[in-house]
Amino acid sequence: MRSSRFLIGFLLVALVIAGGLSYFASPEPDGLDSVTLNGCTVTETAEGEQLDGTCIAQNAGEHQLAGGPLADYAVDGRDGTTGLAGVIGVLVTVLVAGLVFWALSRTRGRGVRSGGG
């Protein structure tokens, strides 16, 4: 009973952090993005961003999952859905982890029973 209360509390805290605090995250590029842009200027064009100058980022290509449903920390690329994307990410992670742990516990339980006989 005590561990289930802990897990529910942990899930609620994770959901609050992902759903609420994610709106306070900086929209500015992180350290790695900033370093790859050194030597370039970013110009907004009708087609999107254009890099002028010489920097590492000019050699970067589009990620294979860039069109995914939670790409760029948003739901289907829509602005203002960062929190929702965070909540979905937490729920999917908890679901996958729970299924993995459940499968491992069932496998471990069978191995102990068959090995002890």
Protein backbone atom coordinates (compact mmCIF):
# COMPACT_ATOMS: atom_id res chain seq x y z
CA MET A 1 0.00 0.00 0.00
CA ARG A 2 2.79 2.41 0.87
CA SER A 3 4.68 1.79 -2.39
CA SER A 4 1.55 2.36 -4.47
CA ARG A 5 1.02 5.75 -2.78
CA PHE A 6 4.64 6.61 -3.53
CA LEU A 7 4.23 5.63 -7.19
CA ILE A 8 1.01 7.63 -7.56
CA GLY A 9 2.68 10.63 -5.91
CA PHE A 10 5.71 10.25 -8.16
CA LEU A 11 3.47 10.13 -11.24
CA LEU A 12 1.55 13.23 -10.15
CA VAL A 13 4.76 15.18 -9.54
CA ALA A 14 6.12 14.08 -12.94
CA LEU A 15 2.88 15.17 -14.63
CA VAL A 16 2.94 18.58 -12.90
CA ILE A 17 6.56 19.13 -13.89
CA ALA A 18 6.02 18.00 -17.50
CA GLY A 19 2.66 19.71 -17.94
CA GLY A 20 3.18 22.92 -16.01
CA LEU A 21 6.82 23.77 -15.61
CA SER A 22 7.65 23.02 -19.23
CA TYR A 23 6.04 26.35 -20.19
CA PHE A 24 8.81 28.11 -18.27
CA ALA A 25 11.58 26.41 -20.28
CA SER A 26 13.69 28.70 -22.41
CA PRO A 27 12.84 28.77 -26.12
CA GLU A 28 16.44 29.75 -26.84
CA PRO A 29 18.81 27.12 -28.25
CA ASP A 30 20.64 25.00 -25.70
CA GLY A 31 24.44 24.93 -25.39
CA LEU A 32 24.99 22.41 -28.19
CA ASP A 33 22.74 24.29 -30.60
CA SER A 34 24.48 27.56 -29.72
CA VAL A 35 27.93 26.09 -30.36
CA THR A 36 26.91 24.69 -33.74
CA LEU A 37 25.66 28.15 -34.75
CA ASN A 38 28.96 29.93 -33.91
CA GLY A 39 30.11 31.77 -37.04
CA CYS A 40 26.67 32.01 -38.61
CA THR A 41 23.78 34.40 -38.56
CA VAL A 42 20.24 33.10 -38.71
CA THR A 43 17.90 34.90 -41.10
CA GLU A 44 14.17 34.23 -41.30
CA THR A 45 12.94 33.70 -44.87
CA ALA A 46 9.63 32.64 -46.39
CA GLU A 47 10.97 29.06 -46.60
CA GLY A 48 12.19 29.06 -42.98
CA GLU A 49 15.52 29.85 -41.36
CA GLN A 50 18.58 30.51 -43.52
CA LEU A 51 22.13 30.29 -42.16
CA ASP A 52 24.63 32.83 -43.47
CA GLY A 53 28.34 32.49 -42.72
CA THR A 54 30.34 29.40 -41.84
CA CYS A 55 29.27 27.14 -38.98
CA ILE A 56 28.80 23.46 -38.16
CA ALA A 57 25.01 23.77 -38.34
CA GLN A 58 25.15 24.32 -42.11
CA ASN A 59 26.07 20.64 -42.47
CA ALA A 60 23.13 19.44 -40.38
CA GLY A 61 20.21 17.68 -42.01
CA GLU A 62 16.65 17.18 -40.91
CA HIS A 63 16.17 14.46 -38.30
CA GLN A 64 14.27 11.36 -39.47
CA LEU A 65 11.62 11.87 -36.79
CA ALA A 66 11.29 15.65 -37.27
CA GLY A 67 7.75 15.18 -38.54
CA GLY A 68 6.75 13.01 -35.59
CA PRO A 69 3.71 13.79 -33.45
CA LEU A 70 5.80 15.17 -30.53
CA ALA A 71 8.69 16.73 -32.47
CA ASP A 72 10.10 20.01 -31.14
CA TYR A 73 8.33 19.47 -27.78
CA ALA A 74 4.93 20.24 -29.30
CA VAL A 75 1.90 18.25 -30.40
CA ASP A 76 1.89 18.13 -34.21
CA GLY A 77 4.13 21.21 -34.30
CA ARG A 78 1.45 23.52 -32.83
CA ASP A 79 2.57 26.37 -30.60
CA GLY A 80 1.40 26.30 -27.00
CA THR A 81 1.26 22.52 -26.69
CA THR A 82 4.55 22.03 -24.86
CA GLY A 83 2.83 21.01 -21.62
CA LEU A 84 0.54 18.56 -23.38
CA ALA A 85 3.51 17.02 -25.17
CA GLY A 86 5.26 16.68 -21.80
CA VAL A 87 2.25 14.98 -20.22
CA ILE A 88 1.95 12.58 -23.17
CA GLY A 89 5.68 11.83 -22.91
CA VAL A 90 5.42 11.05 -19.19
CA LEU A 91 2.38 8.82 -19.67
CA VAL A 92 3.97 6.90 -22.56
CA THR A 93 7.22 6.48 -20.60
CA VAL A 94 5.38 5.22 -17.50
CA LEU A 95 3.31 2.84 -19.63
CA VAL A 96 6.33 1.40 -21.47
CA ALA A 97 8.39 1.12 -18.27
CA GLY A 98 5.47 -0.54 -16.47
CA LEU A 99 5.03 -3.08 -19.26
CA VAL A 100 8.77 -3.85 -19.31
CA PHE A 101 8.89 -4.30 -15.51
CA TRP A 102 5.75 -6.41 -15.58
CA ALA A 103 7.19 -8.65 -18.33
CA LEU A 104 10.50 -8.97 -16.48
CA SER A 105 8.79 -9.88 -13.21
CA ARG A 106 6.73 -12.57 -14.94
CA THR A 107 9.82 -13.96 -16.65
CA ARG A 108 11.80 -13.91 -13.41
CA GLY A 109 8.95 -15.63 -11.56
CA ARG A 110 8.85 -18.49 -14.09
CA GLY A 111 12.61 -18.97 -13.98
CA VAL A 112 12.65 -19.27 -10.20
CA ARG A 113 9.77 -21.74 -10.09
CA SER A 114 11.10 -24.01 -12.83
CA GLY A 115 14.67 -23.89 -11.51
CA GLY A 116 13.73 -24.76 -7.92
CA GLY A 117 11.88 -28.01 -8.68
